[in-house]
């Protein structure tokens, strides 16, 4: 029992929780974003369409913030660090066509 208790802090310390900005619109986006995050190794993924924030928890020894964001961009959603390709974005259903991150920056400038 004491041996297991000694490992518990090590196992707990491997978990990382972070917030990631991910652009999207609807329930289909939510499902796609969360599924992509989990396929990249996130244990938990919850995307909020009102804030465009993804809350993820993952084991830092198995995946990373960058890997999660890359996987999300691969399925068509811009993130803080990566843009989805135009080709993949255009294949999203119409309701999922969010204001692109690059376009939003251009509008502000």
Protein backbone atom coordinates (compact mmCIF):
# COMPACT_ATOMS: atom_id res chain seq x y z
CA UNK A 1 0.00 0.00 0.00
CA UNK A 2 2.79 2.44 0.83
CA UNK A 3 4.56 1.63 -2.42
CA UNK A 4 1.45 2.58 -4.42
CA UNK A 5 1.02 5.77 -2.39
CA UNK A 6 4.57 6.72 -3.33
CA UNK A 7 3.72 6.50 -7.07
CA UNK A 8 0.43 8.40 -6.87
CA UNK A 9 2.03 11.89 -6.88
CA UNK A 10 4.14 10.90 -9.90
CA UNK A 11 1.06 9.77 -11.84
CA UNK A 12 -0.85 12.92 -10.86
CA UNK A 13 2.05 15.21 -11.80
CA UNK A 14 1.98 13.93 -15.40
CA UNK A 15 -1.49 15.39 -15.99
CA UNK A 16 -1.57 18.84 -17.56
CA UNK A 17 -4.67 21.02 -17.93
CA UNK A 18 -4.71 23.94 -20.34
CA UNK A 19 -7.01 26.27 -22.24
CA UNK A 20 -6.59 26.58 -26.01
CA UNK A 21 -8.32 29.05 -28.32
CA UNK A 22 -10.03 27.11 -31.14
CA UNK A 23 -12.27 28.74 -33.73
CA UNK A 24 -15.61 27.13 -34.56
CA UNK A 25 -19.37 27.74 -34.53
CA UNK A 26 -21.74 24.96 -33.68
CA UNK A 27 -22.41 21.59 -32.11
CA UNK A 28 -20.82 19.78 -35.05
CA UNK A 29 -17.69 21.89 -34.55
CA UNK A 30 -17.71 21.02 -30.84
CA UNK A 31 -17.89 17.31 -31.59
CA UNK A 32 -15.14 17.49 -34.25
CA UNK A 33 -12.81 19.60 -32.07
CA UNK A 34 -13.20 17.42 -28.97
CA UNK A 35 -12.79 14.21 -30.99
CA UNK A 36 -9.61 15.55 -32.61
CA UNK A 37 -8.16 16.58 -29.24
CA UNK A 38 -8.86 13.14 -27.81
CA UNK A 39 -7.39 11.41 -30.86
CA UNK A 40 -4.22 13.44 -30.24
CA UNK A 41 -4.03 12.04 -26.71
CA UNK A 42 -6.14 14.35 -24.55
CA UNK A 43 -7.86 12.54 -21.70
CA UNK A 44 -10.53 15.23 -21.45
CA UNK A 45 -11.59 17.86 -23.96
CA UNK A 46 -14.45 20.34 -23.60
CA UNK A 47 -14.94 23.12 -26.18
CA UNK A 48 -17.15 26.13 -25.41
CA UNK A 49 -18.77 27.69 -28.49
CA UNK A 50 -19.43 30.98 -26.68
CA UNK A 51 -15.79 31.59 -25.77
CA UNK A 52 -14.07 29.45 -28.45
CA UNK A 53 -11.98 27.98 -25.64
CA UNK A 54 -11.04 24.32 -25.41
CA UNK A 55 -10.26 22.99 -21.95
CA UNK A 56 -7.98 19.95 -22.22
CA UNK A 57 -6.37 17.59 -19.78
CA UNK A 58 -3.62 15.28 -20.99
CA UNK A 59 -0.60 13.26 -19.92
CA UNK A 60 2.41 15.36 -20.89
CA UNK A 61 4.50 12.20 -21.33
CA UNK A 62 2.13 10.98 -24.07
CA UNK A 63 1.17 14.13 -25.98
CA UNK A 64 1.55 17.90 -25.96
CA UNK A 65 -0.36 21.12 -26.46
CA UNK A 66 1.25 21.44 -29.90
CA UNK A 67 0.24 17.92 -30.96
CA UNK A 68 -3.34 18.56 -29.86
CA UNK A 69 -3.49 21.85 -31.77
CA UNK A 70 -2.00 20.26 -34.89
CA UNK A 71 -4.63 17.51 -34.87
CA UNK A 72 -7.43 20.06 -34.46
CA UNK A 73 -6.08 22.10 -37.39
CA UNK A 74 -5.95 18.91 -39.48
CA UNK A 75 -9.74 18.52 -39.12
CA UNK A 76 -10.46 22.10 -40.19
CA UNK A 77 -10.28 24.38 -37.14
CA UNK A 78 -7.82 27.21 -36.58
CA UNK A 79 -6.12 27.25 -33.19
CA UNK A 80 -3.84 29.67 -31.37
CA UNK A 81 -0.76 28.24 -33.09
CA UNK A 82 -2.00 26.54 -36.27
CA UNK A 83 -4.31 27.35 -39.16
CA UNK A 84 -6.36 24.68 -40.84
CA UNK A 85 -5.61 24.32 -44.53
CA UNK A 86 -8.02 26.19 -46.79
CA UNK A 87 -8.86 22.91 -48.52
CA UNK A 88 -9.93 21.18 -45.29
CA UNK A 89 -11.76 24.28 -44.03
CA UNK A 90 -13.78 24.55 -47.27
CA UNK A 91 -14.92 20.93 -46.87
CA UNK A 92 -16.55 21.67 -43.50
CA UNK A 93 -20.37 21.90 -43.52
CA UNK A 94 -21.63 25.46 -44.11
CA UNK A 95 -22.69 25.95 -40.50
CA UNK A 96 -19.11 25.23 -39.45
CA UNK A 97 -17.58 28.03 -41.54
CA UNK A 98 -16.38 30.28 -38.72
CA UNK A 99 -14.59 33.61 -39.18
CA UNK A 100 -11.03 32.59 -39.93
CA UNK A 101 -8.33 33.69 -37.49
CA UNK A 102 -6.22 35.36 -40.23
CA UNK A 103 -9.26 37.22 -41.53
CA UNK A 104 -10.13 38.39 -38.02
CA UNK A 105 -6.62 39.82 -37.58
CA UNK A 106 -6.88 41.62 -40.92
CA UNK A 107 -10.21 43.17 -39.91
CA UNK A 108 -8.71 44.51 -36.67
CA UNK A 109 -5.69 46.07 -38.35
